Amino acid sequence: MTAQHDAPLDSLTYEQARDQLVSVVSQLETGGTPLEESIALWERGEALAARCEDLLNGAQKRLDAARQKSQG
């Protein structure tokens, strides 16, 4: 993994996390990586997926709050 892929998850935007996740999935699908590296990629992918989900949930909450405010 590159230094970019080792960036702390909480510093990543949704787009950065999504792009890294796509890269991780591609590497895993291609195969040919040693077992330990594959495990590290899998773990990073799981963490990136969770980061994306957290950011999407936060965006949904903001939208819901804005809708309530405009209706209320």
PDB file of N, CA and C in Angstrom:
ATOM      1  N   MET A   1       0.839  -1.187   0.000  1.00  0.00           N
ATOM      2  CA  MET A   1       0.000   0.000   0.000  1.00  0.00           C
ATOM      3  C   MET A   1       0.877   1.241   0.000  1.00  0.00           C
ATOM      4  N   THR A   2       0.343   2.292  -0.591  1.00  0.00           N
ATOM      5  CA  THR A   2       1.103   3.532  -0.641  1.00  0.00           C
ATOM      6  C   THR A   2       0.860   4.345   0.611  1.00  0.00           C
ATOM      7  N   ALA A   3       1.660   5.390   0.770  1.00  0.00           N
ATOM      8  CA  ALA A   3       1.490   6.261   1.928  1.00  0.00           C
ATOM      9  C   ALA A   3       0.100   6.890   1.921  1.00  0.00           C
ATOM     10  N   GLN A   4      -0.416   7.194   0.723  1.00  0.00           N
ATOM     11  CA  GLN A   4      -1.768   7.752   0.626  1.00  0.00           C
ATOM     12  C   GLN A   4      -2.780   6.777   1.199  1.00  0.00           C
ATOM     13  N   HIS A   5      -2.584   5.493   0.951  1.00  0.00           N
ATOM     14  CA  HIS A   5      -3.521   4.490   1.439  1.00  0.00           C
ATOM     15  C   HIS A   5      -3.353   4.218   2.925  1.00  0.00           C
ATOM     16  N   ASP A   6      -2.320   4.773   3.522  1.00  0.00           N
ATOM     17  CA  ASP A   6      -2.123   4.629   4.957  1.00  0.00           C
ATOM     18  C   ASP A   6      -2.614   5.856   5.717  1.00  0.00           C
ATOM     19  N   ALA A   7      -3.216   6.807   5.003  1.00  0.00           N
ATOM     20  CA  ALA A   7      -3.711   8.028   5.647  1.00  0.00           C
ATOM     21  C   ALA A   7      -4.756   7.659   6.691  1.00  0.00           C
ATOM     22  N   PRO A   8      -4.785   8.401   7.794  1.00  0.00           N
ATOM     23  CA  PRO A   8      -5.812   8.141   8.807  1.00  0.00           C
ATOM     24  C   PRO A   8      -7.204   8.261   8.198  1.00  0.00           C
ATOM     25  N   LEU A   9      -8.056   7.319   8.531  1.00  0.00           N
ATOM     26  CA  LEU A   9      -9.393   7.284   7.939  1.00  0.00           C
ATOM     27  C   LEU A   9     -10.191   8.542   8.230  1.00  0.00           C
ATOM     28  N   ASP A  10     -10.061   9.083   9.433  1.00  0.00           N
ATOM     29  CA  ASP A  10     -10.872  10.248   9.790  1.00  0.00           C
ATOM     30  C   ASP A  10     -10.456  11.514   9.055  1.00  0.00           C
ATOM     31  N   SER A  11      -9.348  11.458   8.320  1.00  0.00           N
ATOM     32  CA  SER A  11      -8.924  12.620   7.533  1.00  0.00           C
ATOM     33  C   SER A  11      -9.407  12.538   6.092  1.00  0.00           C
ATOM     34  N   LEU A  12     -10.025  11.416   5.708  1.00  0.00           N
ATOM     35  CA  LEU A  12     -10.444  11.218   4.329  1.00  0.00           C
ATOM     36  C   LEU A  12     -11.842  11.768   4.072  1.00  0.00           C
ATOM     37  N   THR A  13     -12.000  12.402   2.929  1.00  0.00           N
ATOM     38  CA  THR A  13     -13.329  12.789   2.481  1.00  0.00           C
ATOM     39  C   THR A  13     -14.026  11.531   1.961  1.00  0.00           C
ATOM     40  N   TYR A  14     -15.318  11.660   1.703  1.00  0.00           N
ATOM     41  CA  TYR A  14     -16.055  10.527   1.140  1.00  0.00           C
ATOM     42  C   TYR A  14     -15.417  10.085  -0.186  1.00  0.00           C
ATOM     43  N   GLU A  15     -15.122  11.045  -1.037  1.00  0.00           N
ATOM     44  CA  GLU A  15     -14.582  10.726  -2.350  1.00  0.00           C
ATOM     45  C   GLU A  15     -13.222  10.039  -2.254  1.00  0.00           C
ATOM     46  N   GLN A  16     -12.379  10.506  -1.337  1.00  0.00           N
ATOM     47  CA  GLN A  16     -11.070   9.878  -1.150  1.00  0.00           C
ATOM     48  C   GLN A  16     -11.216   8.448  -0.643  1.00  0.00           C
ATOM     49  N   ALA A  17     -12.093   8.252   0.336  1.00  0.00           N
ATOM     50  CA  ALA A  17     -12.299   6.912   0.888  1.00  0.00           C
ATOM     51  C   ALA A  17     -12.877   5.983  -0.172  1.00  0.00           C
ATOM     52  N   ARG A  18     -13.841   6.473  -0.940  1.00  0.00           N
ATOM     53  CA  ARG A  18     -14.451   5.662  -2.006  1.00  0.00           C
ATOM     54  C   ARG A  18     -13.410   5.268  -3.046  1.00  0.00           C
ATOM     55  N   ASP A  19     -12.585   6.231  -3.468  1.00  0.00           N
ATOM     56  CA  ASP A  19     -11.568   5.939  -4.478  1.00  0.00           C
ATOM     57  C   ASP A  19     -10.549   4.921  -3.964  1.00  0.00           C
ATOM     58  N   GLN A  20     -10.159   5.061  -2.704  1.00  0.00           N
ATOM     59  CA  GLN A  20      -9.228   4.089  -2.123  1.00  0.00           C
ATOM     60  C   GLN A  20      -9.876   2.713  -2.032  1.00  0.00           C
ATOM     61  N   LEU A  21     -11.157   2.684  -1.688  1.00  0.00           N
ATOM     62  CA  LEU A  21     -11.868   1.409  -1.603  1.00  0.00           C
ATOM     63  C   LEU A  21     -11.919   0.735  -2.968  1.00  0.00           C
ATOM     64  N   VAL A  22     -12.185   1.491  -4.003  1.00  0.00           N
ATOM     65  CA  VAL A  22     -12.202   0.943  -5.368  1.00  0.00           C
ATOM     66  C   VAL A  22     -10.828   0.363  -5.701  1.00  0.00           C
ATOM     67  N   SER A  23      -9.771   1.061  -5.327  1.00  0.00           N
ATOM     68  CA  SER A  23      -8.411   0.595  -5.583  1.00  0.00           C
ATOM     69  C   SER A  23      -8.117  -0.704  -4.824  1.00  0.00           C
ATOM     70  N   VAL A  24      -8.529  -0.764  -3.567  1.00  0.00           N
ATOM     71  CA  VAL A  24      -8.310  -1.963  -2.751  1.00  0.00           C
ATOM     72  C   VAL A  24      -9.044  -3.157  -3.353  1.00  0.00           C
ATOM     73  N   VAL A  25     -10.291  -2.946  -3.732  1.00  0.00           N
ATOM     74  CA  VAL A  25     -11.080  -4.034  -4.327  1.00  0.00           C
ATOM     75  C   VAL A  25     -10.421  -4.517  -5.608  1.00  0.00           C
ATOM     76  N   SER A  26      -9.953  -3.593  -6.421  1.00  0.00           N
ATOM     77  CA  SER A  26      -9.285  -3.949  -7.674  1.00  0.00           C
ATOM     78  C   SER A  26      -8.034  -4.788  -7.411  1.00  0.00           C
ATOM     79  N   GLN A  27      -7.246  -4.380  -6.424  1.00  0.00           N
ATOM     80  CA  GLN A  27      -6.034  -5.131  -6.084  1.00  0.00           C
ATOM     81  C   GLN A  27      -6.384  -6.540  -5.610  1.00  0.00           C
ATOM     82  N   LEU A  28      -7.422  -6.644  -4.796  1.00  0.00           N
ATOM     83  CA  LEU A  28      -7.816  -7.960  -4.286  1.00  0.00           C
ATOM     84  C   LEU A  28      -8.361  -8.838  -5.400  1.00  0.00           C
ATOM     85  N   GLU A  29      -9.125  -8.254  -6.320  1.00  0.00           N
ATOM     86  CA  GLU A  29      -9.687  -9.029  -7.418  1.00  0.00           C
ATOM     87  C   GLU A  29      -8.623  -9.496  -8.402  1.00  0.00           C
ATOM     88  N   THR A  30      -7.573  -8.688  -8.561  1.00  0.00           N
ATOM     89  CA  THR A  30      -6.494  -9.039  -9.469  1.00  0.00           C
ATOM     90  C   THR A  30      -5.715 -10.240  -8.954  1.00  0.00           C
ATOM     91  N   GLY A  31      -5.586 -10.309  -7.641  1.00  0.00           N
ATOM     92  CA  GLY A  31      -4.864 -11.420  -7.026  1.00  0.00           C
ATOM     93  C   GLY A  31      -3.366 -11.258  -7.171  1.00  0.00           C
ATOM     94  N   GLY A  32      -2.666 -12.282  -6.799  1.00  0.00           N
ATOM     95  CA  GLY A  32      -1.219 -12.278  -6.923  1.00  0.00           C
ATOM     96  C   GLY A  32      -0.490 -11.601  -5.784  1.00  0.00           C
ATOM     97  N   THR A  33      -1.234 -11.096  -4.799  1.00  0.00           N
ATOM     98  CA  THR A  33      -0.560 -10.472  -3.661  1.00  0.00           C
ATOM     99  C   THR A  33      -0.344 -11.520  -2.578  1.00  0.00           C
ATOM    100  N   PRO A  34       0.743 -11.381  -1.851  1.00  0.00           N
ATOM    101  CA  PRO A  34       0.998 -12.326  -0.757  1.00  0.00           C
ATOM    102  C   PRO A  34      -0.136 -12.299   0.266  1.00  0.00           C
ATOM    103  N   LEU A  35      -0.280 -13.376   0.989  1.00  0.00           N
ATOM    104  CA  LEU A  35      -1.366 -13.529   1.946  1.00  0.00           C
ATOM    105  C   LEU A  35      -1.427 -12.375   2.935  1.00  0.00           C
ATOM    106  N   GLU A  36      -0.330 -12.035   3.559  1.00  0.00           N
ATOM    107  CA  GLU A  36      -0.334 -10.970   4.579  1.00  0.00           C
ATOM    108  C   GLU A  36      -0.760  -9.630   3.983  1.00  0.00           C
ATOM    109  N   GLU A  37      -0.304  -9.345   2.771  1.00  0.00           N
ATOM    110  CA  GLU A  37      -0.704  -8.103   2.123  1.00  0.00           C
ATOM    111  C   GLU A  37      -2.186  -8.137   1.761  1.00  0.00           C
ATOM    112  N   SER A  38      -2.671  -9.282   1.345  1.00  0.00           N
ATOM    113  CA  SER A  38      -4.093  -9.425   1.034  1.00  0.00           C
ATOM    114  C   SER A  38      -4.951  -9.192   2.275  1.00  0.00           C
ATOM    115  N   ILE A  39      -4.508  -9.717   3.394  1.00  0.00           N
ATOM    116  CA  ILE A  39      -5.244  -9.514   4.641  1.00  0.00           C
ATOM    117  C   ILE A  39      -5.245  -8.032   5.016  1.00  0.00           C
ATOM    118  N   ALA A  40      -4.091  -7.388   4.880  1.00  0.00           N
ATOM    119  CA  ALA A  40      -4.001  -5.952   5.184  1.00  0.00           C
ATOM    120  C   ALA A  40      -4.905  -5.150   4.248  1.00  0.00           C
ATOM    121  N   LEU A  41      -4.942  -5.521   2.974  1.00  0.00           N
ATOM    122  CA  LEU A  41      -5.823  -4.847   2.026  1.00  0.00           C
ATOM    123  C   LEU A  41      -7.286  -5.040   2.412  1.00  0.00           C
ATOM    124  N   TRP A  42      -7.630  -6.263   2.778  1.00  0.00           N
ATOM    125  CA  TRP A  42      -9.011  -6.559   3.186  1.00  0.00           C
ATOM    126  C   TRP A  42      -9.408  -5.704   4.396  1.00  0.00           C
ATOM    127  N   GLU A  43      -8.518  -5.649   5.380  1.00  0.00           N
ATOM    128  CA  GLU A  43      -8.799  -4.865   6.577  1.00  0.00           C
ATOM    129  C   GLU A  43      -8.954  -3.388   6.244  1.00  0.00           C
ATOM    130  N   ARG A  44      -8.089  -2.880   5.380  1.00  0.00           N
ATOM    131  CA  ARG A  44      -8.189  -1.476   4.966  1.00  0.00           C
ATOM    132  C   ARG A  44      -9.508  -1.250   4.222  1.00  0.00           C
ATOM    133  N   GLY A  45      -9.871  -2.191   3.364  1.00  0.00           N
ATOM    134  CA  GLY A  45     -11.123  -2.079   2.625  1.00  0.00           C
ATOM    135  C   GLY A  45     -12.329  -2.039   3.544  1.00  0.00           C
ATOM    136  N   GLU A  46     -12.334  -2.890   4.550  1.00  0.00           N
ATOM    137  CA  GLU A  46     -13.436  -2.889   5.524  1.00  0.00           C
ATOM    138  C   GLU A  46     -13.519  -1.548   6.241  1.00  0.00           C
ATOM    139  N   ALA A  47     -12.366  -1.017   6.626  1.00  0.00           N
ATOM    140  CA  ALA A  47     -12.331   0.266   7.326  1.00  0.00           C
ATOM    141  C   ALA A  47     -12.777   1.404   6.396  1.00  0.00           C
ATOM    142  N   LEU A  48     -12.373   1.348   5.140  1.00  0.00           N
ATOM    143  CA  LEU A  48     -12.787   2.367   4.176  1.00  0.00           C
ATOM    144  C   LEU A  48     -14.290   2.308   3.927  1.00  0.00           C
ATOM    145  N   ALA A  49     -14.831   1.109   3.825  1.00  0.00           N
ATOM    146  CA  ALA A  49     -16.275   0.954   3.627  1.00  0.00           C
ATOM    147  C   ALA A  49     -17.033   1.538   4.820  1.00  0.00           C
ATOM    148  N   ALA A  50     -16.536   1.302   6.017  1.00  0.00           N
ATOM    149  CA  ALA A  50     -17.174   1.850   7.216  1.00  0.00           C
ATOM    150  C   ALA A  50     -17.088   3.378   7.217  1.00  0.00           C
ATOM    151  N   ARG A  51     -15.961   3.924   6.803  1.00  0.00           N
ATOM    152  CA  ARG A  51     -15.796   5.388   6.723  1.00  0.00           C
ATOM    153  C   ARG A  51     -16.811   5.968   5.737  1.00  0.00           C
ATOM    154  N   CYS A  52     -16.946   5.345   4.570  1.00  0.00           N
ATOM    155  CA  CYS A  52     -17.911   5.818   3.582  1.00  0.00           C
ATOM    156  C   CYS A  52     -19.327   5.786   4.152  1.00  0.00           C
ATOM    157  N   GLU A  53     -19.656   4.705   4.812  1.00  0.00           N
ATOM    158  CA  GLU A  53     -20.993   4.579   5.400  1.00  0.00           C
ATOM    159  C   GLU A  53     -21.241   5.654   6.463  1.00  0.00           C
ATOM    160  N   ASP A  54     -20.250   5.897   7.299  1.00  0.00           N
ATOM    161  CA  ASP A  54     -20.384   6.933   8.325  1.00  0.00           C
ATOM    162  C   ASP A  54     -20.614   8.310   7.698  1.00  0.00           C
ATOM    163  N   LEU A  55     -19.840   8.608   6.648  1.00  0.00           N
ATOM    164  CA  LEU A  55     -19.987   9.902   5.992  1.00  0.00           C
ATOM    165  C   LEU A  55     -21.348  10.029   5.306  1.00  0.00           C
ATOM    166  N   LEU A  56     -21.804   8.965   4.684  1.00  0.00           N
ATOM    167  CA  LEU A  56     -23.128   8.991   4.054  1.00  0.00           C
ATOM    168  C   LEU A  56     -24.233   9.145   5.087  1.00  0.00           C
ATOM    169  N   ASN A  57     -24.115   8.458   6.212  1.00  0.00           N
ATOM    170  CA  ASN A  57     -25.102   8.596   7.285  1.00  0.00           C
ATOM    171  C   ASN A  57     -25.120  10.023   7.825  1.00  0.00           C
ATOM    172  N   GLY A  58     -23.952  10.617   7.969  1.00  0.00           N
ATOM    173  CA  GLY A  58     -23.881  12.003   8.423  1.00  0.00           C
ATOM    174  C   GLY A  58     -24.531  12.955   7.437  1.00  0.00           C
ATOM    175  N   ALA A  59     -24.306  12.718   6.158  1.00  0.00           N
ATOM    176  CA  ALA A  59     -24.928  13.557   5.134  1.00  0.00           C
ATOM    177  C   ALA A  59     -26.444  13.396   5.169  1.00  0.00           C
ATOM    178  N   GLN A  60     -26.911  12.175   5.357  1.00  0.00           N
ATOM    179  CA  GLN A  60     -28.353  11.934   5.429  1.00  0.00           C
ATOM    180  C   GLN A  60     -28.976  12.665   6.608  1.00  0.00           C
ATOM    181  N   LYS A  61     -28.301  12.652   7.743  1.00  0.00           N
ATOM    182  CA  LYS A  61     -28.810  13.359   8.925  1.00  0.00           C
ATOM    183  C   LYS A  61     -28.894  14.863   8.668  1.00  0.00           C
ATOM    184  N   ARG A  62     -27.875  15.400   7.990  1.00  0.00           N
ATOM    185  CA  ARG A  62     -27.893  16.824   7.672  1.00  0.00           C
ATOM    186  C   ARG A  62     -29.043  17.165   6.734  1.00  0.00           C
ATOM    187  N   LEU A  63     -29.268  16.318   5.739  1.00  0.00           N
ATOM    188  CA  LEU A  63     -30.385  16.547   4.819  1.00  0.00           C
ATOM    189  C   LEU A  63     -31.725  16.466   5.534  1.00  0.00           C
ATOM    190  N   ASP A  64     -31.869  15.468   6.383  1.00  0.00           N
ATOM    191  CA  ASP A  64     -33.104  15.316   7.152  1.00  0.00           C
ATOM    192  C   ASP A  64     -33.353  16.544   8.027  1.00  0.00           C
ATOM    193  N   ALA A  65     -32.320  17.037   8.674  1.00  0.00           N
ATOM    194  CA  ALA A  65     -32.450  18.216   9.535  1.00  0.00           C
ATOM    195  C   ALA A  65     -32.819  19.436   8.712  1.00  0.00           C
ATOM    196  N   ALA A  66     -32.236  19.588   7.538  1.00  0.00           N
ATOM    197  CA  ALA A  66     -32.549  20.729   6.675  1.00  0.00           C
ATOM    198  C   ALA A  66     -33.990  20.647   6.189  1.00  0.00           C
ATOM    199  N   ARG A  67     -34.452  19.457   5.859  1.00  0.00           N
ATOM    200  CA  ARG A  67     -35.839  19.287   5.420  1.00  0.00           C
ATOM    201  C   ARG A  67     -36.812  19.642   6.554  1.00  0.00           C
ATOM    202  N   GLN A  68     -36.506  19.148   7.741  1.00  0.00           N
ATOM    203  CA  GLN A  68     -37.372  19.451   8.885  1.00  0.00           C
ATOM    204  C   GLN A  68     -37.419  20.944   9.164  1.00  0.00           C
ATOM    205  N   LYS A  69     -36.272  21.578   9.051  1.00  0.00           N
ATOM    206  CA  LYS A  69     -36.199  23.027   9.299  1.00  0.00           C
ATOM    207  C   LYS A  69     -37.029  23.786   8.265  1.00  0.00           C
ATOM    208  N   SER A  70     -36.928  23.364   7.007  1.00  0.00           N
ATOM    209  CA  SER A  70     -37.661  24.084   5.965  1.00  0.00           C
ATOM    210  C   SER A  70     -39.167  23.818   6.023  1.00  0.00           C
ATOM    211  N   GLN A  71     -39.538  22.687   6.606  1.00  0.00           N
ATOM    212  CA  GLN A  71     -40.964  22.350   6.731  1.00  0.00           C
ATOM    213  C   GLN A  71     -41.576  22.880   8.026  1.00  0.00           C
ATOM    214  N   GLY A  72     -40.683  23.195   8.938  1.00  0.00           N
ATOM    215  CA  GLY A  72     -41.149  23.429  10.246  1.00  0.00           C
ATOM    216  C   GLY A  72     -41.424  24.725  10.795  1.00  0.00           C
TER     217      GLY A  72
END
